[in-house]
Amino acid sequence: MAKKQVANPDKTEPNKNNNKANPNVALGFVQQTQEELKKVVWPSRQQLISESAAVILMVTLVATTISLVNKLFSWGALKVF
């Protein structure tokens, strides 16, 4: 038989039922978010344009390939059935 684990009253657990907003927690979150955003290396305009064009091109090529394969299988299914 498995032993039942009894909660240790010496350990303090955070109050999970406390739904009130804590301004210190919110302020700390905003400050940490600002610090992390300062570490971000933003792309130049040229990088943004070239990488966006590459993504758009790849999405177009994959969509076209999927469409052609779909039409091929549809044509094959009509011939078989």
PDB file of N, CA and C in Angstrom:
ATOM      1  N   MET A   1       0.837  -1.184   0.000  1.00  0.00           N
ATOM      2  CA  MET A   1       0.000   0.000   0.000  1.00  0.00           C
ATOM      3  C   MET A   1       0.881   1.245   0.000  1.00  0.00           C
ATOM      4  N   ALA A   2       0.418   2.258  -0.687  1.00  0.00           N
ATOM      5  CA  ALA A   2       1.177   3.502  -0.763  1.00  0.00           C
ATOM      6  C   ALA A   2       0.930   4.342   0.474  1.00  0.00           C
ATOM      7  N   LYS A   3       1.979   4.993   0.929  1.00  0.00           N
ATOM      8  CA  LYS A   3       1.841   5.875   2.082  1.00  0.00           C
ATOM      9  C   LYS A   3       1.217   7.178   1.657  1.00  0.00           C
ATOM     10  N   LYS A   4       0.364   7.703   2.494  1.00  0.00           N
ATOM     11  CA  LYS A   4      -0.204   9.015   2.239  1.00  0.00           C
ATOM     12  C   LYS A   4       0.784  10.060   2.723  1.00  0.00           C
ATOM     13  N   GLN A   5       0.995  11.062   1.909  1.00  0.00           N
ATOM     14  CA  GLN A   5       1.888  12.133   2.314  1.00  0.00           C
ATOM     15  C   GLN A   5       1.071  13.199   3.029  1.00  0.00           C
ATOM     16  N   VAL A   6       1.547  13.576   4.187  1.00  0.00           N
ATOM     17  CA  VAL A   6       0.875  14.587   4.986  1.00  0.00           C
ATOM     18  C   VAL A   6       1.600  15.906   4.767  1.00  0.00           C
ATOM     19  N   ALA A   7       0.835  16.967   4.577  1.00  0.00           N
ATOM     20  CA  ALA A   7       1.430  18.283   4.370  1.00  0.00           C
ATOM     21  C   ALA A   7       2.188  18.702   5.614  1.00  0.00           C
ATOM     22  N   ASN A   8       3.357  19.264   5.407  1.00  0.00           N
ATOM     23  CA  ASN A   8       4.194  19.724   6.503  1.00  0.00           C
ATOM     24  C   ASN A   8       3.741  21.127   6.894  1.00  0.00           C
ATOM     25  N   PRO A   9       3.234  21.308   8.130  1.00  0.00           N
ATOM     26  CA  PRO A   9       2.734  22.621   8.529  1.00  0.00           C
ATOM     27  C   PRO A   9       3.851  23.653   8.686  1.00  0.00           C
ATOM     28  N   ASP A  10       5.110  23.221   8.744  1.00  0.00           N
ATOM     29  CA  ASP A  10       6.211  24.161   8.905  1.00  0.00           C
ATOM     30  C   ASP A  10       6.506  24.912   7.602  1.00  0.00           C
ATOM     31  N   LYS A  11       6.211  24.288   6.472  1.00  0.00           N
ATOM     32  CA  LYS A  11       6.467  24.918   5.190  1.00  0.00           C
ATOM     33  C   LYS A  11       5.339  25.890   4.873  1.00  0.00           C
ATOM     34  N   THR A  12       5.718  27.054   4.428  1.00  0.00           N
ATOM     35  CA  THR A  12       4.696  28.034   4.059  1.00  0.00           C
ATOM     36  C   THR A  12       4.494  27.975   2.555  1.00  0.00           C
ATOM     37  N   GLU A  13       3.269  27.934   2.148  1.00  0.00           N
ATOM     38  CA  GLU A  13       2.916  27.919   0.737  1.00  0.00           C
ATOM     39  C   GLU A  13       2.308  29.267   0.394  1.00  0.00           C
ATOM     40  N   PRO A  14       2.502  29.730  -0.832  1.00  0.00           N
ATOM     41  CA  PRO A  14       1.877  30.992  -1.210  1.00  0.00           C
ATOM     42  C   PRO A  14       0.362  30.850  -1.200  1.00  0.00           C
ATOM     43  N   ASN A  15      -0.290  31.933  -0.882  1.00  0.00           N
ATOM     44  CA  ASN A  15      -1.746  31.929  -0.819  1.00  0.00           C
ATOM     45  C   ASN A  15      -2.294  31.917  -2.238  1.00  0.00           C
ATOM     46  N   LYS A  16      -2.815  30.777  -2.672  1.00  0.00           N
ATOM     47  CA  LYS A  16      -3.316  30.629  -4.035  1.00  0.00           C
ATOM     48  C   LYS A  16      -4.682  31.281  -4.212  1.00  0.00           C
ATOM     49  N   ASN A  17      -5.358  31.561  -3.139  1.00  0.00           N
ATOM     50  CA  ASN A  17      -6.693  32.140  -3.219  1.00  0.00           C
ATOM     51  C   ASN A  17      -6.659  33.658  -3.248  1.00  0.00           C
ATOM     52  N   ASN A  18      -5.489  34.250  -3.142  1.00  0.00           N
ATOM     53  CA  ASN A  18      -5.374  35.696  -3.118  1.00  0.00           C
ATOM     54  C   ASN A  18      -5.330  36.205  -4.552  1.00  0.00           C
ATOM     55  N   ASN A  19      -6.444  36.715  -5.069  1.00  0.00           N
ATOM     56  CA  ASN A  19      -6.533  37.177  -6.440  1.00  0.00           C
ATOM     57  C   ASN A  19      -6.320  38.678  -6.559  1.00  0.00           C
ATOM     58  N   LYS A  20      -6.017  39.350  -5.464  1.00  0.00           N
ATOM     59  CA  LYS A  20      -5.808  40.794  -5.501  1.00  0.00           C
ATOM     60  C   LYS A  20      -4.483  41.093  -6.189  1.00  0.00           C
ATOM     61  N   ALA A  21      -4.469  42.147  -7.000  1.00  0.00           N
ATOM     62  CA  ALA A  21      -3.257  42.529  -7.715  1.00  0.00           C
ATOM     63  C   ALA A  21      -2.277  43.161  -6.738  1.00  0.00           C
ATOM     64  N   ASN A  22      -1.047  42.725  -6.800  1.00  0.00           N
ATOM     65  CA  ASN A  22       0.000  43.275  -5.949  1.00  0.00           C
ATOM     66  C   ASN A  22       0.783  44.281  -6.781  1.00  0.00           C
ATOM     67  N   PRO A  23       0.753  45.576  -6.420  1.00  0.00           N
ATOM     68  CA  PRO A  23       1.425  46.583  -7.246  1.00  0.00           C
ATOM     69  C   PRO A  23       2.935  46.370  -7.310  1.00  0.00           C
ATOM     70  N   ASN A  24       3.550  45.806  -6.270  1.00  0.00           N
ATOM     71  CA  ASN A  24       4.988  45.567  -6.293  1.00  0.00           C
ATOM     72  C   ASN A  24       5.343  44.508  -7.333  1.00  0.00           C
ATOM     73  N   VAL A  25       4.513  43.487  -7.452  1.00  0.00           N
ATOM     74  CA  VAL A  25       4.756  42.427  -8.432  1.00  0.00           C
ATOM     75  C   VAL A  25       4.585  42.985  -9.839  1.00  0.00           C
ATOM     76  N   ALA A  26       3.548  43.771 -10.062  1.00  0.00           N
ATOM     77  CA  ALA A  26       3.298  44.351 -11.381  1.00  0.00           C
ATOM     78  C   ALA A  26       4.429  45.304 -11.766  1.00  0.00           C
ATOM     79  N   LEU A  27       4.885  46.118 -10.834  1.00  0.00           N
ATOM     80  CA  LEU A  27       5.970  47.059 -11.111  1.00  0.00           C
ATOM     81  C   LEU A  27       7.262  46.313 -11.424  1.00  0.00           C
ATOM     82  N   GLY A  28       7.536  45.265 -10.666  1.00  0.00           N
ATOM     83  CA  GLY A  28       8.720  44.458 -10.920  1.00  0.00           C
ATOM     84  C   GLY A  28       8.667  43.796 -12.286  1.00  0.00           C
ATOM     85  N   PHE A  29       7.489  43.326 -12.666  1.00  0.00           N
ATOM     86  CA  PHE A  29       7.323  42.699 -13.981  1.00  0.00           C
ATOM     87  C   PHE A  29       7.614  43.700 -15.091  1.00  0.00           C
ATOM     88  N   VAL A  30       7.081  44.903 -14.959  1.00  0.00           N
ATOM     89  CA  VAL A  30       7.292  45.928 -15.982  1.00  0.00           C
ATOM     90  C   VAL A  30       8.768  46.302 -16.068  1.00  0.00           C
ATOM     91  N   GLN A  31       9.429  46.440 -14.938  1.00  0.00           N
ATOM     92  CA  GLN A  31      10.853  46.788 -14.934  1.00  0.00           C
ATOM     93  C   GLN A  31      11.690  45.679 -15.568  1.00  0.00           C
ATOM     94  N   GLN A  32      11.398  44.434 -15.247  1.00  0.00           N
ATOM     95  CA  GLN A  32      12.141  43.320 -15.828  1.00  0.00           C
ATOM     96  C   GLN A  32      11.900  43.221 -17.332  1.00  0.00           C
ATOM     97  N   THR A  33      10.679  43.510 -17.747  1.00  0.00           N
ATOM     98  CA  THR A  33      10.357  43.483 -19.171  1.00  0.00           C
ATOM     99  C   THR A  33      11.144  44.552 -19.913  1.00  0.00           C
ATOM    100  N   GLN A  34      11.214  45.754 -19.336  1.00  0.00           N
ATOM    101  CA  GLN A  34      11.986  46.833 -19.962  1.00  0.00           C
ATOM    102  C   GLN A  34      13.470  46.466 -20.045  1.00  0.00           C
ATOM    103  N   GLU A  35      14.007  45.855 -19.003  1.00  0.00           N
ATOM    104  CA  GLU A  35      15.415  45.445 -19.012  1.00  0.00           C
ATOM    105  C   GLU A  35      15.673  44.414 -20.109  1.00  0.00           C
ATOM    106  N   GLU A  36      14.769  43.464 -20.278  1.00  0.00           N
ATOM    107  CA  GLU A  36      14.941  42.438 -21.309  1.00  0.00           C
ATOM    108  C   GLU A  36      14.836  43.041 -22.709  1.00  0.00           C
ATOM    109  N   LEU A  37      13.924  44.002 -22.893  1.00  0.00           N
ATOM    110  CA  LEU A  37      13.774  44.617 -24.210  1.00  0.00           C
ATOM    111  C   LEU A  37      15.002  45.438 -24.591  1.00  0.00           C
ATOM    112  N   LYS A  38      15.740  45.949 -23.607  1.00  0.00           N
ATOM    113  CA  LYS A  38      16.969  46.682 -23.896  1.00  0.00           C
ATOM    114  C   LYS A  38      18.044  45.750 -24.432  1.00  0.00           C
ATOM    115  N   LYS A  39      17.958  44.458 -24.120  1.00  0.00           N
ATOM    116  CA  LYS A  39      18.947  43.478 -24.572  1.00  0.00           C
ATOM    117  C   LYS A  39      18.684  42.981 -25.998  1.00  0.00           C
ATOM    118  N   VAL A  40      17.510  43.260 -26.519  1.00  0.00           N
ATOM    119  CA  VAL A  40      17.133  42.764 -27.843  1.00  0.00           C
ATOM    120  C   VAL A  40      17.940  43.484 -28.917  1.00  0.00           C
ATOM    121  N   VAL A  41      18.460  42.719 -29.863  1.00  0.00           N
ATOM    122  CA  VAL A  41      19.167  43.297 -30.999  1.00  0.00           C
ATOM    123  C   VAL A  41      18.160  43.370 -32.144  1.00  0.00           C
ATOM    124  N   TRP A  42      17.728  44.575 -32.451  1.00  0.00           N
ATOM    125  CA  TRP A  42      16.716  44.759 -33.475  1.00  0.00           C
ATOM    126  C   TRP A  42      17.367  44.752 -34.853  1.00  0.00           C
ATOM    127  N   PRO A  43      16.706  44.165 -35.862  1.00  0.00           N
ATOM    128  CA  PRO A  43      17.292  44.127 -37.207  1.00  0.00           C
ATOM    129  C   PRO A  43      17.242  45.501 -37.873  1.00  0.00           C
ATOM    130  N   SER A  44      18.156  45.701 -38.812  1.00  0.00           N
ATOM    131  CA  SER A  44      18.128  46.941 -39.581  1.00  0.00           C
ATOM    132  C   SER A  44      16.970  46.871 -40.578  1.00  0.00           C
ATOM    133  N   ARG A  45      16.669  47.992 -41.194  1.00  0.00           N
ATOM    134  CA  ARG A  45      15.572  48.028 -42.168  1.00  0.00           C
ATOM    135  C   ARG A  45      15.866  47.083 -43.330  1.00  0.00           C
ATOM    136  N   GLN A  46      17.123  47.056 -43.788  1.00  0.00           N
ATOM    137  CA  GLN A  46      17.495  46.189 -44.909  1.00  0.00           C
ATOM    138  C   GLN A  46      17.340  44.717 -44.535  1.00  0.00           C
ATOM    139  N   GLN A  47      17.755  44.336 -43.329  1.00  0.00           N
ATOM    140  CA  GLN A  47      17.591  42.954 -42.874  1.00  0.00           C
ATOM    141  C   GLN A  47      16.114  42.594 -42.791  1.00  0.00           C
ATOM    142  N   LEU A  48      15.322  43.506 -42.261  1.00  0.00           N
ATOM    143  CA  LEU A  48      13.889  43.259 -42.117  1.00  0.00           C
ATOM    144  C   LEU A  48      13.236  43.023 -43.470  1.00  0.00           C
ATOM    145  N   ILE A  49      13.586  43.867 -44.437  1.00  0.00           N
ATOM    146  CA  ILE A  49      12.984  43.734 -45.768  1.00  0.00           C
ATOM    147  C   ILE A  49      13.423  42.439 -46.444  1.00  0.00           C
ATOM    148  N   SER A  50      14.722  42.132 -46.399  1.00  0.00           N
ATOM    149  CA  SER A  50      15.211  40.940 -47.099  1.00  0.00           C
ATOM    150  C   SER A  50      14.696  39.656 -46.442  1.00  0.00           C
ATOM    151  N   GLU A  51      14.664  39.617 -45.123  1.00  0.00           N
ATOM    152  CA  GLU A  51      14.174  38.408 -44.448  1.00  0.00           C
ATOM    153  C   GLU A  51      12.661  38.250 -44.609  1.00  0.00           C
ATOM    154  N   SER A  52      11.935  39.358 -44.631  1.00  0.00           N
ATOM    155  CA  SER A  52      10.490  39.283 -44.873  1.00  0.00           C
ATOM    156  C   SER A  52      10.215  38.778 -46.286  1.00  0.00           C
ATOM    157  N   ALA A  53      11.005  39.261 -47.245  1.00  0.00           N
ATOM    158  CA  ALA A  53      10.839  38.797 -48.628  1.00  0.00           C
ATOM    159  C   ALA A  53      11.143  37.310 -48.733  1.00  0.00           C
ATOM    160  N   ALA A  54      12.170  36.847 -48.020  1.00  0.00           N
ATOM    161  CA  ALA A  54      12.506  35.422 -48.042  1.00  0.00           C
ATOM    162  C   ALA A  54      11.376  34.581 -47.467  1.00  0.00           C
ATOM    163  N   VAL A  55      10.777  35.046 -46.374  1.00  0.00           N
ATOM    164  CA  VAL A  55       9.668  34.308 -45.758  1.00  0.00           C
ATOM    165  C   VAL A  55       8.465  34.266 -46.701  1.00  0.00           C
ATOM    166  N   ILE A  56       8.138  35.400 -47.294  1.00  0.00           N
ATOM    167  CA  ILE A  56       6.993  35.453 -48.212  1.00  0.00           C
ATOM    168  C   ILE A  56       7.240  34.540 -49.413  1.00  0.00           C
ATOM    169  N   LEU A  57       8.462  34.551 -49.942  1.00  0.00           N
ATOM    170  CA  LEU A  57       8.801  33.684 -51.072  1.00  0.00           C
ATOM    171  C   LEU A  57       8.670  32.210 -50.694  1.00  0.00           C
ATOM    172  N   MET A  58       9.191  31.827 -49.553  1.00  0.00           N
ATOM    173  CA  MET A  58       9.126  30.421 -49.133  1.00  0.00           C
ATOM    174  C   MET A  58       7.684  29.981 -48.888  1.00  0.00           C
ATOM    175  N   VAL A  59       6.885  30.827 -48.266  1.00  0.00           N
ATOM    176  CA  VAL A  59       5.480  30.480 -48.029  1.00  0.00           C
ATOM    177  C   VAL A  59       4.760  30.300 -49.356  1.00  0.00           C
ATOM    178  N   THR A  60       5.044  31.176 -50.322  1.00  0.00           N
ATOM    179  CA  THR A  60       4.418  31.072 -51.640  1.00  0.00           C
ATOM    180  C   THR A  60       4.841  29.780 -52.341  1.00  0.00           C
ATOM    181  N   LEU A  61       6.131  29.453 -52.272  1.00  0.00           N
ATOM    182  CA  LEU A  61       6.610  28.221 -52.907  1.00  0.00           C
ATOM    183  C   LEU A  61       6.007  26.971 -52.269  1.00  0.00           C
ATOM    184  N   VAL A  62       5.934  26.948 -50.943  1.00  0.00           N
ATOM    185  CA  VAL A  62       5.370  25.779 -50.263  1.00  0.00           C
ATOM    186  C   VAL A  62       3.879  25.656 -50.562  1.00  0.00           C
ATOM    187  N   ALA A  63       3.157  26.774 -50.562  1.00  0.00           N
ATOM    188  CA  ALA A  63       1.719  26.736 -50.867  1.00  0.00           C
ATOM    189  C   ALA A  63       1.481  26.258 -52.289  1.00  0.00           C
ATOM    190  N   THR A  64       2.304  26.714 -53.229  1.00  0.00           N
ATOM    191  CA  THR A  64       2.181  26.282 -54.626  1.00  0.00           C
ATOM    192  C   THR A  64       2.472  24.790 -54.763  1.00  0.00           C
ATOM    193  N   THR A  65       3.518  24.331 -54.076  1.00  0.00           N
ATOM    194  CA  THR A  65       3.868  22.907 -54.124  1.00  0.00           C
ATOM    195  C   THR A  65       2.745  22.050 -53.560  1.00  0.00           C
ATOM    196  N   ILE A  66       2.201  22.443 -52.427  1.00  0.00           N
ATOM    197  CA  ILE A  66       1.099  21.686 -51.819  1.00  0.00           C
ATOM    198  C   ILE A  66      -0.109  21.681 -52.738  1.00  0.00           C
ATOM    199  N   SER A  67      -0.391  22.820 -53.366  1.00  0.00           N
ATOM    200  CA  SER A  67      -1.526  22.892 -54.288  1.00  0.00           C
ATOM    201  C   SER A  67      -1.324  21.962 -55.488  1.00  0.00           C
ATOM    202  N   LEU A  68      -0.115  21.948 -56.045  1.00  0.00           N
ATOM    203  CA  LEU A  68       0.155  21.075 -57.197  1.00  0.00           C
ATOM    204  C   LEU A  68       0.080  19.599 -56.817  1.00  0.00           C
ATOM    205  N   VAL A  69       0.614  19.246 -55.671  1.00  0.00           N
ATOM    206  CA  VAL A  69       0.537  17.851 -55.220  1.00  0.00           C
ATOM    207  C   VAL A  69      -0.921  17.462 -54.979  1.00  0.00           C
ATOM    208  N   ASN A  70      -1.699  18.366 -54.414  1.00  0.00           N
ATOM    209  CA  ASN A  70      -3.125  18.104 -54.185  1.00  0.00           C
ATOM    210  C   ASN A  70      -3.851  17.865 -55.510  1.00  0.00           C
ATOM    211  N   LYS A  71      -3.556  18.697 -56.506  1.00  0.00           N
ATOM    212  CA  LYS A  71      -4.204  18.527 -57.811  1.00  0.00           C
ATOM    213  C   LYS A  71      -3.767  17.215 -58.470  1.00  0.00           C
ATOM    214  N   LEU A  72      -2.494  16.840 -58.297  1.00  0.00           N
ATOM    215  CA  LEU A  72      -2.001  15.584 -58.846  1.00  0.00           C
ATOM    216  C   LEU A  72      -2.734  14.397 -58.216  1.00  0.00           C
ATOM    217  N   PHE A  73      -2.850  14.401 -56.911  1.00  0.00           N
ATOM    218  CA  PHE A  73      -3.546  13.293 -56.242  1.00  0.00           C
ATOM    219  C   PHE A  73      -5.038  13.288 -56.568  1.00  0.00           C
ATOM    220  N   SER A  74      -5.647  14.469 -56.697  1.00  0.00           N
ATOM    221  CA  SER A  74      -7.068  14.532 -57.083  1.00  0.00           C
ATOM    222  C   SER A  74      -7.264  13.950 -58.475  1.00  0.00           C
ATOM    223  N   TRP A  75      -6.376  14.320 -59.411  1.00  0.00           N
ATOM    224  CA  TRP A  75      -6.458  13.780 -60.764  1.00  0.00           C
ATOM    225  C   TRP A  75      -6.262  12.259 -60.745  1.00  0.00           C
ATOM    226  N   GLY A  76      -5.277  11.782 -59.948  1.00  0.00           N
ATOM    227  CA  GLY A  76      -5.039  10.348 -59.861  1.00  0.00           C
ATOM    228  C   GLY A  76      -6.220   9.609 -59.238  1.00  0.00           C
ATOM    229  N   ALA A  77      -6.847  10.207 -58.237  1.00  0.00           N
ATOM    230  CA  ALA A  77      -7.992   9.563 -57.596  1.00  0.00           C
ATOM    231  C   ALA A  77      -9.163   9.478 -58.563  1.00  0.00           C
ATOM    232  N   LEU A  78      -9.352  10.500 -59.407  1.00  0.00           N
ATOM    233  CA  LEU A  78     -10.440  10.448 -60.397  1.00  0.00           C
ATOM    234  C   LEU A  78     -10.196   9.360 -61.435  1.00  0.00           C
ATOM    235  N   LYS A  79      -8.942   9.143 -61.790  1.00  0.00           N
ATOM    236  CA  LYS A  79      -8.613   8.108 -62.779  1.00  0.00           C
ATOM    237  C   LYS A  79      -8.797   6.702 -62.196  1.00  0.00           C
ATOM    238  N   VAL A  80      -8.471   6.550 -60.910  1.00  0.00           N
ATOM    239  CA  VAL A  80      -8.564   5.230 -60.280  1.00  0.00           C
ATOM    240  C   VAL A  80      -9.999   4.907 -59.913  1.00  0.00           C
ATOM    241  N   PHE A  81     -10.692   5.844 -59.334  1.00  0.00           N
ATOM    242  CA  PHE A  81     -12.060   5.586 -58.852  1.00  0.00           C
ATOM    243  C   PHE A  81     -13.013   6.098 -59.847  1.00  0.00           C
TER     244      PHE A  81
END
